[in-house]
Amino acid sequence: ADRRAISQVFIATRSHTHSMLNPLFNRQRLWLLVVLFTLLSSIYLMTYSAGIDSGDSRRALDAVSSFVDYGDFLLDQASIQYLTQTFEDSLRFPLQSAGVEPFQVVLAAPLYLLARIVPGIGLLHTLYLFNIIVTALAGCVLFLYAIALGYGERTAILAALMFGIGTAVFPYTKSFF
């Protein structure tokens, strides 16, 4: 009886190890990732408005333009709304710091540059695509994580869709913060 129990544990461990050795990426999964990203992005674009909905969004947009145009994180375009209360001699310009996450600003800078290069597309409209792209990519990462944990592709797709459509990340695709 002990040998049978040990062999069953060995077989279960071996099959679990074998499933863990399966590659995370194969042709079918790459295709599923493309479909998942496209589906989530399409759903987000159906509710896309690209309107500045808060002061936080305005500050983040201003930080991106300031970073690309001047290499700093100061409020240039919205300086009239956020007047400096004190002036220091050490400051070159009496502008407030944007006070936003610099990583988001740096990652969104290519979209700002793209909008400046390509004629006919708006800076604001292009920058508002940032959260759509990031959230759709987050859904794809969740899909891969579920696969890595040993769940099937159907379960992983459903988890990613529920994350992307049924949680609080969906409303944040309409903003830039």
Protein backbone atom coordinates (compact mmCIF):
# COMPACT_ATOMS: atom_id res chain seq x y z
CA ALA A 1 0.00 0.00 0.00
CA ASP A 2 2.86 2.38 0.78
CA ARG A 3 4.51 1.73 -2.59
CA ARG A 4 1.25 2.44 -4.39
CA ALA A 5 0.78 5.75 -2.49
CA ILE A 6 4.38 6.78 -3.20
CA SER A 7 4.03 5.94 -6.91
CA GLN A 8 0.78 7.93 -7.13
CA VAL A 9 2.48 10.96 -5.52
CA PHE A 10 5.41 10.56 -7.93
CA ILE A 11 3.07 10.38 -10.94
CA ALA A 12 1.08 13.41 -9.75
CA THR A 13 4.29 15.39 -9.15
CA ARG A 14 5.68 14.35 -12.51
CA SER A 15 2.53 15.36 -14.40
CA HIS A 16 2.43 18.70 -12.52
CA THR A 17 6.11 19.31 -13.36
CA HIS A 18 5.43 18.34 -16.98
CA SER A 19 2.60 20.86 -17.22
CA MET A 20 4.87 23.53 -15.74
CA LEU A 21 7.49 22.81 -18.39
CA ASN A 22 5.04 23.48 -21.22
CA PRO A 23 6.02 26.70 -22.92
CA LEU A 24 4.09 29.78 -21.88
CA PHE A 25 4.14 31.05 -25.43
CA ASN A 26 3.12 29.07 -28.45
CA ARG A 27 1.43 30.05 -31.68
CA GLN A 28 -2.08 29.59 -30.39
CA ARG A 29 -1.42 31.59 -27.21
CA LEU A 30 0.23 34.41 -29.13
CA TRP A 31 -2.83 34.51 -31.38
CA LEU A 32 -5.08 34.51 -28.30
CA LEU A 33 -3.05 37.39 -26.83
CA VAL A 34 -3.49 39.43 -30.01
CA VAL A 35 -7.23 38.72 -30.04
CA LEU A 36 -7.55 39.52 -26.33
CA PHE A 37 -5.63 42.80 -26.67
CA THR A 38 -7.69 43.78 -29.73
CA LEU A 39 -10.98 42.88 -28.07
CA LEU A 40 -10.24 44.78 -24.85
CA SER A 41 -8.90 47.79 -26.75
CA SER A 42 -11.98 47.82 -28.99
CA ILE A 43 -14.33 47.75 -26.02
CA TYR A 44 -12.40 50.57 -24.37
CA LEU A 45 -12.42 52.62 -27.58
CA MET A 46 -16.22 52.35 -27.79
CA THR A 47 -16.46 54.39 -24.60
CA TYR A 48 -13.47 56.62 -25.39
CA SER A 49 -14.11 60.35 -25.05
CA ALA A 50 -10.69 62.01 -24.57
CA GLY A 51 -12.09 64.84 -22.53
CA ILE A 52 -10.20 66.29 -19.60
CA ASP A 53 -12.31 65.15 -16.69
CA SER A 54 -10.25 66.26 -13.71
CA GLY A 55 -7.41 68.43 -12.53
CA ASP A 56 -5.27 65.31 -12.09
CA SER A 57 -5.62 64.51 -15.78
CA ARG A 58 -4.73 68.09 -16.69
CA ARG A 59 -1.62 67.93 -14.50
CA ALA A 60 -0.54 64.62 -16.04
CA LEU A 61 -1.06 65.92 -19.59
CA ASP A 62 0.89 69.06 -18.75
CA ALA A 63 3.70 66.98 -17.26
CA VAL A 64 4.01 64.93 -20.46
CA SER A 65 4.19 68.04 -22.66
CA SER A 66 6.67 69.66 -20.26
CA PHE A 67 8.82 66.53 -20.19
CA VAL A 68 8.92 66.22 -23.98
CA ASP A 69 9.29 69.94 -24.74
CA TYR A 70 11.53 71.08 -21.86
CA GLY A 71 12.84 67.99 -20.11
CA ASP A 72 11.21 68.77 -16.76
CA PHE A 73 8.04 67.98 -14.83
CA LEU A 74 6.73 71.52 -14.36
CA LEU A 75 3.26 72.85 -15.08
CA ASP A 76 3.78 74.92 -18.21
CA GLN A 77 0.46 74.88 -20.04
CA ALA A 78 -1.74 74.90 -16.95
CA SER A 79 0.33 77.42 -15.02
CA ILE A 80 -2.51 79.94 -15.01
CA GLN A 81 -4.69 77.44 -13.09
CA TYR A 82 -1.97 76.50 -10.62
CA LEU A 83 -0.31 79.76 -9.69
CA THR A 84 2.87 79.63 -7.68
CA GLN A 85 2.34 80.90 -4.14
CA THR A 86 5.99 81.64 -3.37
CA PHE A 87 8.90 82.66 -5.53
CA GLU A 88 12.42 81.51 -4.90
CA ASP A 89 15.53 82.99 -6.45
CA SER A 90 16.93 79.51 -7.10
CA LEU A 91 14.10 78.65 -9.50
CA ARG A 92 14.68 79.48 -13.14
CA PHE A 93 10.95 79.69 -13.83
CA PRO A 94 8.24 80.30 -11.22
CA LEU A 95 6.30 77.17 -12.22
CA GLN A 96 4.92 74.49 -9.94
CA SER A 97 5.96 70.89 -10.16
CA ALA A 98 3.32 68.70 -11.77
CA GLY A 99 3.42 66.31 -8.84
CA VAL A 100 2.53 63.25 -10.92
CA GLU A 101 4.09 59.83 -11.34
CA PRO A 102 7.17 60.26 -13.55
CA PHE A 103 7.02 56.70 -14.91
CA GLN A 104 3.63 57.32 -16.52
CA VAL A 105 4.92 60.57 -18.00
CA VAL A 106 7.99 58.91 -19.49
CA LEU A 107 6.00 55.98 -20.91
CA ALA A 108 3.39 58.31 -22.44
CA ALA A 109 6.02 60.57 -24.06
CA PRO A 110 6.23 58.49 -27.29
CA LEU A 111 2.48 58.95 -27.81
CA TYR A 112 2.90 62.70 -27.39
CA LEU A 113 5.77 62.70 -29.89
CA LEU A 114 3.71 60.63 -32.32
CA ALA A 115 0.87 63.14 -32.13
CA ARG A 116 3.29 65.99 -32.77
CA ILE A 117 4.82 64.27 -35.80
CA VAL A 118 1.67 62.92 -37.48
CA PRO A 119 -0.48 65.76 -38.82
CA GLY A 120 -4.18 65.77 -38.08
CA ILE A 121 -4.25 63.88 -34.80
CA GLY A 122 -4.71 65.67 -31.51
CA LEU A 123 -2.25 65.58 -28.65
CA LEU A 124 -4.96 65.04 -26.08
CA HIS A 125 -6.70 62.33 -28.09
CA THR A 126 -3.48 60.43 -28.61
CA LEU A 127 -2.35 60.68 -24.99
CA TYR A 128 -5.70 59.36 -23.81
CA LEU A 129 -4.90 56.13 -25.65
CA PHE A 130 -2.23 55.45 -23.03
CA ASN A 131 -4.56 53.97 -20.40
CA ILE A 132 -6.37 51.96 -23.06
CA ILE A 133 -3.10 50.37 -24.15
CA VAL A 134 -1.84 49.80 -20.60
CA THR A 135 -5.11 48.28 -19.39
CA ALA A 136 -5.40 45.98 -22.41
CA LEU A 137 -1.80 44.88 -21.81
CA ALA A 138 -2.63 44.25 -18.14
CA GLY A 139 -5.42 41.93 -19.28
CA CYS A 140 -2.90 40.08 -21.44
CA VAL A 141 -0.50 39.75 -18.50
CA LEU A 142 -3.33 38.34 -16.38
CA PHE A 143 -4.05 35.81 -19.15
CA LEU A 144 -0.39 34.68 -19.13
CA TYR A 145 -0.33 34.56 -15.34
CA ALA A 146 -3.38 32.30 -15.27
CA ILE A 147 -1.73 30.02 -17.84
CA ALA A 148 1.47 29.96 -15.77
CA LEU A 149 -0.58 28.93 -12.72
CA GLY A 150 -1.87 25.94 -14.68
CA TYR A 151 -5.34 27.13 -15.67
CA GLY A 152 -6.65 26.40 -19.13
CA GLU A 153 -6.73 28.95 -21.93
CA ARG A 154 -10.51 29.34 -21.76
CA THR A 155 -10.38 30.09 -18.03
CA ALA A 156 -7.48 32.50 -18.55
CA ILE A 157 -9.37 34.38 -21.30
CA LEU A 158 -12.47 34.63 -19.11
CA ALA A 159 -10.41 35.90 -16.17
CA ALA A 160 -8.75 38.53 -18.35
CA LEU A 161 -12.09 39.65 -19.80
CA MET A 162 -13.68 39.84 -16.36
CA PHE A 163 -10.70 41.88 -15.15
CA GLY A 164 -10.82 44.20 -18.13
CA ILE A 165 -14.56 44.74 -18.29
CA GLY A 166 -15.93 43.92 -14.86
CA THR A 167 -13.59 45.73 -12.49
CA ALA A 168 -12.66 49.33 -11.69
CA VAL A 169 -9.96 49.36 -14.37
CA PHE A 170 -12.60 49.84 -17.07
CA PRO A 171 -13.62 53.40 -16.06
CA TYR A 172 -9.95 54.38 -15.78
CA THR A 173 -9.42 53.67 -19.48
CA LYS A 174 -11.38 56.86 -20.13
CA SER A 175 -8.89 59.07 -18.34
CA PHE A 176 -5.19 59.84 -18.17
CA PHE A 177 -4.22 59.25 -14.56
